[in-house]
Structures are given as structure tokens and as C-alpha cells.
């Protein structure tokens, strides 16, 4: 099983490629809910940088 930091890095990379949460979940096997949680945190962090 992947560590949370690995999952977050994978999700971030795929989000930058324009993938949806559903596509990321299907491609990686990471649960959709987990993708949503990390995806939200990643988006929030990006907004706060600006």
C-alpha cells in the first residue's frame, strides 16, 4: 500500500495533467473519496500560494 505522501504526489501530478478525480481514482486504484480529500487540499494550497 502506498504511503499518504506518495498518494498525494501521484494525485497532484495527475491533476496537473487535467485528470478528473474519477479518472485518477480509476487509473491509480486510490479510492475516489481519498482522491477528493487530497485533491481539495492540493487546490486549497495552490490558492493560498497566490
C-alpha atoms as a PDB file:
ATOM      1  CA  UNK A   1       0.000   0.000   0.000  1.00  0.00           C
ATOM      2  CA  UNK A   2       1.207   3.483  -0.847  1.00  0.00           C
ATOM      3  CA  UNK A   3       2.076   5.992   1.849  1.00  0.00           C
ATOM      4  CA  UNK A   4      -0.140   9.122   2.065  1.00  0.00           C
ATOM      5  CA  UNK A   5       2.660  11.351   0.765  1.00  0.00           C
ATOM      6  CA  UNK A   6       3.052   9.087  -2.282  1.00  0.00           C
ATOM      7  CA  UNK A   7      -0.676   9.181  -2.957  1.00  0.00           C
ATOM      8  CA  UNK A   8      -0.716  12.969  -2.664  1.00  0.00           C
ATOM      9  CA  UNK A   9       2.191  13.301  -5.111  1.00  0.00           C
ATOM     10  CA  UNK A  10       0.509  10.994  -7.629  1.00  0.00           C
ATOM     11  CA  UNK A  11      -2.811  12.814  -7.334  1.00  0.00           C
ATOM     12  CA  UNK A  12      -1.127  16.220  -7.706  1.00  0.00           C
ATOM     13  CA  UNK A  13       0.722  15.095 -10.839  1.00  0.00           C
ATOM     14  CA  UNK A  14      -2.428  13.729 -12.465  1.00  0.00           C
ATOM     15  CA  UNK A  15      -4.450  16.826 -11.533  1.00  0.00           C
ATOM     16  CA  UNK A  16      -1.839  18.970 -13.289  1.00  0.00           C
ATOM     17  CA  UNK A  17      -2.412  16.787 -16.367  1.00  0.00           C
ATOM     18  CA  UNK A  18      -6.084  17.774 -16.224  1.00  0.00           C
ATOM     19  CA  UNK A  19      -7.471  14.459 -14.993  1.00  0.00           C
ATOM     20  CA  UNK A  20     -10.727  14.365 -13.042  1.00  0.00           C
ATOM     21  CA  UNK A  21     -10.956  12.820  -9.588  1.00  0.00           C
ATOM     22  CA  UNK A  22     -12.852   9.902 -11.125  1.00  0.00           C
ATOM     23  CA  UNK A  23     -10.153   9.314 -13.769  1.00  0.00           C
ATOM     24  CA  UNK A  24      -7.420   9.497 -11.132  1.00  0.00           C
ATOM     25  CA  UNK A  25      -9.282   7.010  -8.951  1.00  0.00           C
ATOM     26  CA  UNK A  26      -9.823   4.578 -11.822  1.00  0.00           C
ATOM     27  CA  UNK A  27      -6.245   4.818 -13.095  1.00  0.00           C
ATOM     28  CA  UNK A  28      -4.487   4.505  -9.740  1.00  0.00           C
ATOM     29  CA  UNK A  29      -6.842   2.368  -7.673  1.00  0.00           C
ATOM     30  CA  UNK A  30      -6.882   5.067  -4.980  1.00  0.00           C
ATOM     31  CA  UNK A  31     -10.382   5.335  -3.502  1.00  0.00           C
ATOM     32  CA  UNK A  32     -12.452   8.166  -5.012  1.00  0.00           C
ATOM     33  CA  UNK A  33     -13.058   9.709  -1.580  1.00  0.00           C
ATOM     34  CA  UNK A  34      -9.340   9.767  -0.857  1.00  0.00           C
ATOM     35  CA  UNK A  35      -8.663  11.437  -4.203  1.00  0.00           C
ATOM     36  CA  UNK A  36     -11.305  14.045  -3.347  1.00  0.00           C
ATOM     37  CA  UNK A  37      -9.813  14.781   0.071  1.00  0.00           C
ATOM     38  CA  UNK A  38      -6.253  15.143  -1.218  1.00  0.00           C
ATOM     39  CA  UNK A  39      -7.426  16.972  -4.321  1.00  0.00           C
ATOM     40  CA  UNK A  40      -9.224  19.536  -2.183  1.00  0.00           C
ATOM     41  CA  UNK A  41      -6.157  20.056  -0.013  1.00  0.00           C
ATOM     42  CA  UNK A  42      -3.956  20.464  -3.093  1.00  0.00           C
ATOM     43  CA  UNK A  43      -6.338  23.019  -4.633  1.00  0.00           C
ATOM     44  CA  UNK A  44      -6.532  24.939  -1.350  1.00  0.00           C
ATOM     45  CA  UNK A  45      -2.737  25.045  -1.070  1.00  0.00           C
ATOM     46  CA  UNK A  46      -2.458  26.337  -4.644  1.00  0.00           C
ATOM     47  CA  UNK A  47      -4.991  29.108  -3.956  1.00  0.00           C
ATOM     48  CA  UNK A  48      -3.134  30.165  -0.811  1.00  0.00           C
ATOM     49  CA  UNK A  49       0.157  30.468  -2.718  1.00  0.00           C
ATOM     50  CA  UNK A  50      -1.287  33.210  -4.907  1.00  0.00           C
END
